[in-house]
């Protein structure tokens, strides 16, 4: 394994996130896939990434009108994606 591969995180999707992707149109699915690839490489910082103030240790990724919320486990190198959805509804659990 080279250093590039070791810097990439594994991603786990919640059932809620999987359902959203499954129901989305093909263009939106591709955009979400590209966003997840970006998050896998740089989960903690970037122009579209912000830490949630209300929930410590959780982050959001801006994707147009959509948001992706997730948490990062640095020791296990895993990203847990909780939710994907429209901006107004995403922060409700």
PDB file of N, CA and C in Angstrom:
ATOM      1  N   UNK A   1       0.854  -1.175   0.000  1.00  0.00           N
ATOM      2  CA  UNK A   1       0.000   0.000   0.000  1.00  0.00           C
ATOM      3  C   UNK A   1       0.897   1.235   0.000  1.00  0.00           C
ATOM      4  N   UNK A   2       0.638   2.145  -0.924  1.00  0.00           N
ATOM      5  CA  UNK A   2       1.450   3.359  -0.948  1.00  0.00           C
ATOM      6  C   UNK A   2       0.839   4.421  -0.046  1.00  0.00           C
ATOM      7  N   UNK A   3       1.538   5.529   0.114  1.00  0.00           N
ATOM      8  CA  UNK A   3       1.076   6.573   1.045  1.00  0.00           C
ATOM      9  C   UNK A   3      -0.229   7.207   0.588  1.00  0.00           C
ATOM     10  N   UNK A   4      -0.484   7.245  -0.715  1.00  0.00           N
ATOM     11  CA  UNK A   4      -1.729   7.810  -1.234  1.00  0.00           C
ATOM     12  C   UNK A   4      -2.919   6.958  -0.798  1.00  0.00           C
ATOM     13  N   UNK A   5      -2.781   5.637  -0.892  1.00  0.00           N
ATOM     14  CA  UNK A   5      -3.863   4.745  -0.491  1.00  0.00           C
ATOM     15  C   UNK A   5      -4.092   4.771   1.013  1.00  0.00           C
ATOM     16  N   UNK A   6      -3.034   4.923   1.788  1.00  0.00           N
ATOM     17  CA  UNK A   6      -3.195   4.906   3.240  1.00  0.00           C
ATOM     18  C   UNK A   6      -3.825   6.189   3.769  1.00  0.00           C
ATOM     19  N   UNK A   7      -3.859   7.240   2.944  1.00  0.00           N
ATOM     20  CA  UNK A   7      -4.451   8.498   3.395  1.00  0.00           C
ATOM     21  C   UNK A   7      -5.951   8.564   3.124  1.00  0.00           C
ATOM     22  N   UNK A   8      -6.488   7.567   2.416  1.00  0.00           N
ATOM     23  CA  UNK A   8      -7.905   7.558   2.097  1.00  0.00           C
ATOM     24  C   UNK A   8      -8.673   6.804   3.186  1.00  0.00           C
ATOM     25  N   UNK A   9      -9.813   7.366   3.584  1.00  0.00           N
ATOM     26  CA  UNK A   9     -10.658   6.788   4.618  1.00  0.00           C
ATOM     27  C   UNK A   9     -11.688   5.850   4.001  1.00  0.00           C
ATOM     28  N   UNK A  10     -12.151   4.878   4.794  1.00  0.00           N
ATOM     29  CA  UNK A  10     -13.290   4.053   4.392  1.00  0.00           C
ATOM     30  C   UNK A  10     -14.557   4.824   4.720  1.00  0.00           C
ATOM     31  N   UNK A  11     -15.623   4.547   3.986  1.00  0.00           N
ATOM     32  CA  UNK A  11     -16.892   5.247   4.187  1.00  0.00           C
ATOM     33  C   UNK A  11     -17.973   4.239   4.532  1.00  0.00           C
ATOM     34  N   UNK A  12     -18.749   4.555   5.562  1.00  0.00           N
ATOM     35  CA  UNK A  12     -19.938   3.786   5.921  1.00  0.00           C
ATOM     36  C   UNK A  12     -21.146   4.701   5.770  1.00  0.00           C
ATOM     37  N   UNK A  13     -22.138   4.225   5.049  1.00  0.00           N
ATOM     38  CA  UNK A  13     -23.361   4.994   4.842  1.00  0.00           C
ATOM     39  C   UNK A  13     -24.460   4.487   5.772  1.00  0.00           C
ATOM     40  N   UNK A  14     -25.190   5.408   6.369  1.00  0.00           N
ATOM     41  CA  UNK A  14     -26.361   5.008   7.156  1.00  0.00           C
ATOM     42  C   UNK A  14     -27.459   4.564   6.184  1.00  0.00           C
ATOM     43  N   UNK A  15     -28.422   3.869   6.702  1.00  0.00           N
ATOM     44  CA  UNK A  15     -29.555   3.447   5.868  1.00  0.00           C
ATOM     45  C   UNK A  15     -30.266   4.660   5.271  1.00  0.00           C
ATOM     46  N   UNK A  16     -30.373   5.700   6.051  1.00  0.00           N
ATOM     47  CA  UNK A  16     -31.028   6.930   5.584  1.00  0.00           C
ATOM     48  C   UNK A  16     -30.287   7.516   4.387  1.00  0.00           C
ATOM     49  N   UNK A  17     -28.950   7.577   4.460  1.00  0.00           N
ATOM     50  CA  UNK A  17     -28.144   8.109   3.359  1.00  0.00           C
ATOM     51  C   UNK A  17     -28.246   7.204   2.134  1.00  0.00           C
ATOM     52  N   UNK A  18     -28.198   5.892   2.341  1.00  0.00           N
ATOM     53  CA  UNK A  18     -28.330   4.952   1.220  1.00  0.00           C
ATOM     54  C   UNK A  18     -29.665   5.135   0.514  1.00  0.00           C
ATOM     55  N   UNK A  19     -30.728   5.281   1.280  1.00  0.00           N
ATOM     56  CA  UNK A  19     -32.056   5.472   0.692  1.00  0.00           C
ATOM     57  C   UNK A  19     -32.123   6.754  -0.117  1.00  0.00           C
ATOM     58  N   UNK A  20     -31.518   7.819   0.374  1.00  0.00           N
ATOM     59  CA  UNK A  20     -31.545   9.074  -0.366  1.00  0.00           C
ATOM     60  C   UNK A  20     -30.826   8.914  -1.708  1.00  0.00           C
ATOM     61  N   UNK A  21     -29.657   8.294  -1.690  1.00  0.00           N
ATOM     62  CA  UNK A  21     -28.898   8.092  -2.930  1.00  0.00           C
ATOM     63  C   UNK A  21     -29.689   7.217  -3.892  1.00  0.00           C
ATOM     64  N   UNK A  22     -30.286   6.171  -3.404  1.00  0.00           N
ATOM     65  CA  UNK A  22     -31.048   5.257  -4.253  1.00  0.00           C
ATOM     66  C   UNK A  22     -32.217   5.966  -4.936  1.00  0.00           C
ATOM     67  N   UNK A  23     -32.883   6.877  -4.242  1.00  0.00           N
ATOM     68  CA  UNK A  23     -34.045   7.574  -4.793  1.00  0.00           C
ATOM     69  C   UNK A  23     -33.682   8.753  -5.687  1.00  0.00           C
ATOM     70  N   UNK A  24     -32.443   9.231  -5.596  1.00  0.00           N
ATOM     71  CA  UNK A  24     -32.032  10.420  -6.354  1.00  0.00           C
ATOM     72  C   UNK A  24     -31.881  10.097  -7.836  1.00  0.00           C
ATOM     73  N   UNK A  25     -31.985  11.138  -8.664  1.00  0.00           N
ATOM     74  CA  UNK A  25     -31.778  10.947 -10.094  1.00  0.00           C
ATOM     75  C   UNK A  25     -30.288  10.692 -10.375  1.00  0.00           C
ATOM     76  N   UNK A  26     -29.987  10.230 -11.565  1.00  0.00           N
ATOM     77  CA  UNK A  26     -28.624   9.813 -11.915  1.00  0.00           C
ATOM     78  C   UNK A  26     -27.614  10.957 -11.779  1.00  0.00           C
ATOM     79  N   UNK A  27     -27.976  12.152 -12.193  1.00  0.00           N
ATOM     80  CA  UNK A  27     -27.076  13.302 -12.086  1.00  0.00           C
ATOM     81  C   UNK A  27     -26.740  13.598 -10.625  1.00  0.00           C
ATOM     82  N   UNK A  28     -27.742  13.579  -9.767  1.00  0.00           N
ATOM     83  CA  UNK A  28     -27.531  13.824  -8.341  1.00  0.00           C
ATOM     84  C   UNK A  28     -26.697  12.709  -7.721  1.00  0.00           C
ATOM     85  N   UNK A  29     -26.931  11.470  -8.129  1.00  0.00           N
ATOM     86  CA  UNK A  29     -26.130  10.355  -7.633  1.00  0.00           C
ATOM     87  C   UNK A  29     -24.656  10.544  -7.984  1.00  0.00           C
ATOM     88  N   UNK A  30     -24.376  10.995  -9.196  1.00  0.00           N
ATOM     89  CA  UNK A  30     -22.993  11.232  -9.606  1.00  0.00           C
ATOM     90  C   UNK A  30     -22.362  12.356  -8.791  1.00  0.00           C
ATOM     91  N   UNK A  31     -23.106  13.434  -8.563  1.00  0.00           N
ATOM     92  CA  UNK A  31     -22.594  14.552  -7.760  1.00  0.00           C
ATOM     93  C   UNK A  31     -22.295  14.093  -6.337  1.00  0.00           C
ATOM     94  N   UNK A  32     -23.186  13.302  -5.759  1.00  0.00           N
ATOM     95  CA  UNK A  32     -22.976  12.795  -4.403  1.00  0.00           C
ATOM     96  C   UNK A  32     -21.752  11.881  -4.374  1.00  0.00           C
ATOM     97  N   UNK A  33     -21.609  11.032  -5.380  1.00  0.00           N
ATOM     98  CA  UNK A  33     -20.452  10.144  -5.452  1.00  0.00           C
ATOM     99  C   UNK A  33     -19.143  10.916  -5.509  1.00  0.00           C
ATOM    100  N   UNK A  34     -19.102  11.980  -6.300  1.00  0.00           N
ATOM    101  CA  UNK A  34     -17.902  12.820  -6.384  1.00  0.00           C
ATOM    102  C   UNK A  34     -17.625  13.496  -5.045  1.00  0.00           C
ATOM    103  N   UNK A  35     -18.679  13.944  -4.375  1.00  0.00           N
ATOM    104  CA  UNK A  35     -18.509  14.594  -3.071  1.00  0.00           C
ATOM    105  C   UNK A  35     -17.967  13.596  -2.042  1.00  0.00           C
ATOM    106  N   UNK A  36     -18.470  12.378  -2.058  1.00  0.00           N
ATOM    107  CA  UNK A  36     -17.999  11.362  -1.112  1.00  0.00           C
ATOM    108  C   UNK A  36     -16.535  11.034  -1.379  1.00  0.00           C
ATOM    109  N   UNK A  37     -16.137  10.987  -2.630  1.00  0.00           N
ATOM    110  CA  UNK A  37     -14.721  10.747  -2.951  1.00  0.00           C
ATOM    111  C   UNK A  37     -13.842  11.875  -2.406  1.00  0.00           C
ATOM    112  N   UNK A  38     -14.307  13.104  -2.517  1.00  0.00           N
ATOM    113  CA  UNK A  38     -13.554  14.236  -1.961  1.00  0.00           C
ATOM    114  C   UNK A  38     -13.447  14.107  -0.443  1.00  0.00           C
ATOM    115  N   UNK A  39     -14.571  13.774   0.189  1.00  0.00           N
ATOM    116  CA  UNK A  39     -14.592  13.628   1.648  1.00  0.00           C
ATOM    117  C   UNK A  39     -13.643  12.509   2.077  1.00  0.00           C
ATOM    118  N   UNK A  40     -13.599  11.404   1.325  1.00  0.00           N
ATOM    119  CA  UNK A  40     -12.698  10.285   1.658  1.00  0.00           C
ATOM    120  C   UNK A  40     -11.239  10.733   1.700  1.00  0.00           C
ATOM    121  N   UNK A  41     -10.881  11.673   0.851  1.00  0.00           N
ATOM    122  CA  UNK A  41      -9.488  12.113   0.762  1.00  0.00           C
ATOM    123  C   UNK A  41      -9.172  13.204   1.786  1.00  0.00           C
ATOM    124  N   UNK A  42     -10.123  14.094   2.043  1.00  0.00           N
ATOM    125  CA  UNK A  42      -9.911  15.208   2.980  1.00  0.00           C
ATOM    126  C   UNK A  42     -11.163  15.418   3.821  1.00  0.00           C
ATOM    127  N   UNK A  43     -11.394  14.606   4.826  1.00  0.00           N
ATOM    128  CA  UNK A  43     -12.658  14.682   5.564  1.00  0.00           C
ATOM    129  C   UNK A  43     -12.792  15.859   6.537  1.00  0.00           C
ATOM    130  N   UNK A  44     -11.695  16.461   6.944  1.00  0.00           N
ATOM    131  CA  UNK A  44     -11.767  17.472   8.002  1.00  0.00           C
ATOM    132  C   UNK A  44     -11.663  18.910   7.520  1.00  0.00           C
ATOM    133  N   UNK A  45     -11.200  19.140   6.333  1.00  0.00           N
ATOM    134  CA  UNK A  45     -11.063  20.514   5.859  1.00  0.00           C
ATOM    135  C   UNK A  45     -11.283  20.579   4.359  1.00  0.00           C
ATOM    136  N   UNK A  46     -11.683  21.745   3.900  1.00  0.00           N
ATOM    137  CA  UNK A  46     -11.924  21.989   2.490  1.00  0.00           C
ATOM    138  C   UNK A  46     -12.879  23.161   2.358  1.00  0.00           C
ATOM    139  N   UNK A  47     -12.996  23.691   1.138  1.00  0.00           N
ATOM    140  CA  UNK A  47     -13.847  24.871   0.945  1.00  0.00           C
ATOM    141  C   UNK A  47     -15.326  24.611   1.183  1.00  0.00           C
ATOM    142  N   UNK A  48     -15.758  23.362   1.076  1.00  0.00           N
ATOM    143  CA  UNK A  48     -17.181  23.037   1.248  1.00  0.00           C
ATOM    144  C   UNK A  48     -17.459  22.281   2.537  1.00  0.00           C
ATOM    145  N   UNK A  49     -16.473  22.191   3.419  1.00  0.00           N
ATOM    146  CA  UNK A  49     -16.620  21.421   4.662  1.00  0.00           C
ATOM    147  C   UNK A  49     -16.610  22.361   5.860  1.00  0.00           C
ATOM    148  N   UNK A  50     -17.555  22.157   6.765  1.00  0.00           N
ATOM    149  CA  UNK A  50     -17.605  22.924   8.013  1.00  0.00           C
ATOM    150  C   UNK A  50     -17.941  21.977   9.149  1.00  0.00           C
ATOM    151  N   UNK A  51     -17.387  22.259  10.324  1.00  0.00           N
ATOM    152  CA  UNK A  51     -17.752  21.482  11.504  1.00  0.00           C
ATOM    153  C   UNK A  51     -19.082  22.005  12.031  1.00  0.00           C
ATOM    154  N   UNK A  52     -19.952  21.099  12.442  1.00  0.00           N
ATOM    155  CA  UNK A  52     -21.239  21.498  13.002  1.00  0.00           C
ATOM    156  C   UNK A  52     -21.025  22.072  14.390  1.00  0.00           C
ATOM    157  N   UNK A  53     -21.609  23.205  14.658  1.00  0.00           N
ATOM    158  CA  UNK A  53     -21.445  23.848  15.959  1.00  0.00           C
ATOM    159  C   UNK A  53     -22.288  23.166  17.028  1.00  0.00           C
ATOM    160  N   UNK A  54     -23.452  22.681  16.637  1.00  0.00           N
ATOM    161  CA  UNK A  54     -24.383  22.076  17.585  1.00  0.00           C
ATOM    162  C   UNK A  54     -23.939  20.680  17.984  1.00  0.00           C
ATOM    163  N   UNK A  55     -23.377  19.931  17.038  1.00  0.00           N
ATOM    164  CA  UNK A  55     -22.948  18.553  17.306  1.00  0.00           C
ATOM    165  C   UNK A  55     -21.439  18.468  17.128  1.00  0.00           C
ATOM    166  N   UNK A  56     -20.736  18.461  18.228  1.00  0.00           N
ATOM    167  CA  UNK A  56     -19.280  18.439  18.188  1.00  0.00           C
ATOM    168  C   UNK A  56     -18.765  17.148  17.554  1.00  0.00           C
ATOM    169  N   UNK A  57     -17.779  17.269  16.711  1.00  0.00           N
ATOM    170  CA  UNK A  57     -17.192  16.107  16.055  1.00  0.00           C
ATOM    171  C   UNK A  57     -17.894  15.698  14.781  1.00  0.00           C
ATOM    172  N   UNK A  58     -18.946  16.410  14.406  1.00  0.00           N
ATOM    173  CA  UNK A  58     -19.653  16.118  13.162  1.00  0.00           C
ATOM    174  C   UNK A  58     -19.397  17.237  12.168  1.00  0.00           C
ATOM    175  N   UNK A  59     -19.444  16.882  10.900  1.00  0.00           N
ATOM    176  CA  UNK A  59     -19.134  17.816   9.828  1.00  0.00           C
ATOM    177  C   UNK A  59     -20.251  17.810   8.801  1.00  0.00           C
ATOM    178  N   UNK A  60     -20.253  18.849   7.977  1.00  0.00           N
ATOM    179  CA  UNK A  60     -21.201  18.904   6.869  1.00  0.00           C
ATOM    180  C   UNK A  60     -20.437  19.282   5.608  1.00  0.00           C
ATOM    181  N   UNK A  61     -20.907  18.761   4.500  1.00  0.00           N
ATOM    182  CA  UNK A  61     -20.335  19.059   3.195  1.00  0.00           C
ATOM    183  C   UNK A  61     -21.419  19.735   2.388  1.00  0.00           C
ATOM    184  N   UNK A  62     -21.128  20.909   1.850  1.00  0.00           N
ATOM    185  CA  UNK A  62     -22.079  21.665   1.036  1.00  0.00           C
ATOM    186  C   UNK A  62     -22.032  21.145  -0.394  1.00  0.00           C
ATOM    187  N   UNK A  63     -23.174  20.776  -0.945  1.00  0.00           N
ATOM    188  CA  UNK A  63     -23.262  20.300  -2.320  1.00  0.00           C
ATOM    189  C   UNK A  63     -24.466  20.970  -2.970  1.00  0.00           C
ATOM    190  N   UNK A  64     -24.283  22.240  -3.357  1.00  0.00           N
ATOM    191  CA  UNK A  64     -25.413  23.006  -3.883  1.00  0.00           C
ATOM    192  C   UNK A  64     -26.451  23.172  -2.799  1.00  0.00           C
ATOM    193  N   UNK A  65     -27.669  22.737  -3.064  1.00  0.00           N
ATOM    194  CA  UNK A  65     -28.742  22.818  -2.075  1.00  0.00           C
ATOM    195  C   UNK A  65     -28.760  21.599  -1.145  1.00  0.00           C
ATOM    196  N   UNK A  66     -27.902  20.628  -1.429  1.00  0.00           N
ATOM    197  CA  UNK A  66     -27.837  19.425  -0.594  1.00  0.00           C
ATOM    198  C   UNK A  66     -26.751  19.560   0.457  1.00  0.00           C
ATOM    199  N   UNK A  67     -26.894  18.783   1.525  1.00  0.00           N
ATOM    200  CA  UNK A  67     -25.881  18.705   2.566  1.00  0.00           C
ATOM    201  C   UNK A  67     -25.612  17.237   2.871  1.00  0.00           C
ATOM    202  N   UNK A  68     -24.370  16.945   3.194  1.00  0.00           N
ATOM    203  CA  UNK A  68     -23.971  15.622   3.639  1.00  0.00           C
ATOM    204  C   UNK A  68     -23.421  15.795   5.049  1.00  0.00           C
ATOM    205  N   UNK A  69     -23.995  15.107   6.031  1.00  0.00           N
ATOM    206  CA  UNK A  69     -23.488  15.192   7.399  1.00  0.00           C
ATOM    207  C   UNK A  69     -22.782  13.894   7.739  1.00  0.00           C
ATOM    208  N   UNK A  70     -21.658  14.034   8.442  1.00  0.00           N
ATOM    209  CA  UNK A  70     -20.843  12.859   8.738  1.00  0.00           C
ATOM    210  C   UNK A  70     -19.948  13.098   9.939  1.00  0.00           C
ATOM    211  N   UNK A  71     -19.400  11.998  10.468  1.00  0.00           N
ATOM    212  CA  UNK A  71     -18.422  12.039  11.551  1.00  0.00           C
ATOM    213  C   UNK A  71     -17.187  11.274  11.079  1.00  0.00           C
ATOM    214  N   UNK A  72     -16.034  11.627  11.648  1.00  0.00           N
ATOM    215  CA  UNK A  72     -14.769  11.016  11.253  1.00  0.00           C
ATOM    216  C   UNK A  72     -14.143  10.328  12.457  1.00  0.00           C
ATOM    217  N   UNK A  73     -13.758   9.076  12.295  1.00  0.00           N
ATOM    218  CA  UNK A  73     -13.013   8.348  13.313  1.00  0.00           C
ATOM    219  C   UNK A  73     -11.577   8.239  12.802  1.00  0.00           C
ATOM    220  N   UNK A  74     -10.706   9.094  13.320  1.00  0.00           N
ATOM    221  CA  UNK A  74      -9.330   9.146  12.830  1.00  0.00           C
ATOM    222  C   UNK A  74      -8.544   7.881  13.138  1.00  0.00           C
ATOM    223  N   UNK A  75      -8.756   7.291  14.294  1.00  0.00           N
ATOM    224  CA  UNK A  75      -7.975   6.109  14.671  1.00  0.00           C
ATOM    225  C   UNK A  75      -8.305   4.901  13.785  1.00  0.00           C
ATOM    226  N   UNK A  76      -9.564   4.750  13.398  1.00  0.00           N
ATOM    227  CA  UNK A  76      -9.970   3.635  12.539  1.00  0.00           C
ATOM    228  C   UNK A  76      -9.982   4.021  11.066  1.00  0.00           C
ATOM    229  N   UNK A  77      -9.804   5.320  10.773  1.00  0.00           N
ATOM    230  CA  UNK A  77      -9.812   5.850   9.408  1.00  0.00           C
ATOM    231  C   UNK A  77     -11.140   5.531   8.703  1.00  0.00           C
ATOM    232  N   UNK A  78     -12.240   5.845   9.427  1.00  0.00           N
ATOM    233  CA  UNK A  78     -13.585   5.583   8.923  1.00  0.00           C
ATOM    234  C   UNK A  78     -14.396   6.866   8.960  1.00  0.00           C
ATOM    235  N   UNK A  79     -15.169   7.076   7.915  1.00  0.00           N
ATOM    236  CA  UNK A  79     -16.117   8.189   7.857  1.00  0.00           C
ATOM    237  C   UNK A  79     -17.517   7.580   7.897  1.00  0.00           C
ATOM    238  N   UNK A  80     -18.326   8.032   8.843  1.00  0.00           N
ATOM    239  CA  UNK A  80     -19.699   7.556   8.986  1.00  0.00           C
ATOM    240  C   UNK A  80     -20.620   8.660   8.462  1.00  0.00           C
ATOM    241  N   UNK A  81     -21.233   8.427   7.308  1.00  0.00           N
ATOM    242  CA  UNK A  81     -22.162   9.406   6.731  1.00  0.00           C
ATOM    243  C   UNK A  81     -23.544   9.131   7.300  1.00  0.00           C
ATOM    244  N   UNK A  82     -24.071  10.135   8.002  1.00  0.00           N
ATOM    245  CA  UNK A  82     -25.360   9.993   8.671  1.00  0.00           C
ATOM    246  C   UNK A  82     -26.535  10.301   7.764  1.00  0.00           C
ATOM    247  N   UNK A  83     -26.421  11.413   7.027  1.00  0.00           N
ATOM    248  CA  UNK A  83     -27.579  11.899   6.307  1.00  0.00           C
ATOM    249  C   UNK A  83     -27.144  12.655   5.069  1.00  0.00           C
ATOM    250  N   UNK A  84     -27.968  12.577   4.030  1.00  0.00           N
ATOM    251  CA  UNK A  84     -27.812  13.353   2.812  1.00  0.00           C
ATOM    252  C   UNK A  84     -29.189  13.885   2.487  1.00  0.00           C
ATOM    253  N   UNK A  85     -29.286  15.180   2.213  1.00  0.00           N
ATOM    254  CA  UNK A  85     -30.597  15.715   1.889  1.00  0.00           C
ATOM    255  C   UNK A  85     -30.583  17.205   1.680  1.00  0.00           C
ATOM    256  N   UNK A  86     -31.766  17.773   1.437  1.00  0.00           N
ATOM    257  CA  UNK A  86     -31.894  19.216   1.221  1.00  0.00           C
ATOM    258  C   UNK A  86     -31.463  20.011   2.447  1.00  0.00           C
ATOM    259  N   UNK A  87     -31.016  21.192   2.205  1.00  0.00           N
ATOM    260  CA  UNK A  87     -30.447  22.062   3.231  1.00  0.00           C
ATOM    261  C   UNK A  87     -31.351  22.234   4.441  1.00  0.00           C
ATOM    262  N   UNK A  88     -32.625  22.442   4.260  1.00  0.00           N
ATOM    263  CA  UNK A  88     -33.516  22.728   5.379  1.00  0.00           C
ATOM    264  C   UNK A  88     -33.834  21.527   6.253  1.00  0.00           C
ATOM    265  N   UNK A  89     -33.804  20.342   5.680  1.00  0.00           N
ATOM    266  CA  UNK A  89     -34.228  19.136   6.395  1.00  0.00           C
ATOM    267  C   UNK A  89     -33.062  18.338   6.987  1.00  0.00           C
ATOM    268  N   UNK A  90     -31.865  18.612   6.592  1.00  0.00           N
ATOM    269  CA  UNK A  90     -30.730  17.758   6.878  1.00  0.00           C
ATOM    270  C   UNK A  90     -30.370  17.685   8.364  1.00  0.00           C
ATOM    271  N   UNK A  91     -30.578  18.734   9.097  1.00  0.00           N
ATOM    272  CA  UNK A  91     -30.108  18.773  10.487  1.00  0.00           C
ATOM    273  C   UNK A  91     -31.106  18.189  11.469  1.00  0.00           C
ATOM    274  N   UNK A  92     -32.292  17.784  10.990  1.00  0.00           N
ATOM    275  CA  UNK A  92     -33.275  17.136  11.857  1.00  0.00           C
ATOM    276  C   UNK A  92     -32.916  15.664  11.955  1.00  0.00           C
ATOM    277  N   UNK A  93     -32.958  15.116  13.147  1.00  0.00           N
ATOM    278  CA  UNK A  93     -32.635  13.682  13.312  1.00  0.00           C
ATOM    279  C   UNK A  93     -33.869  12.877  13.502  1.00  0.00           C
TER     280      UNK A  93
END
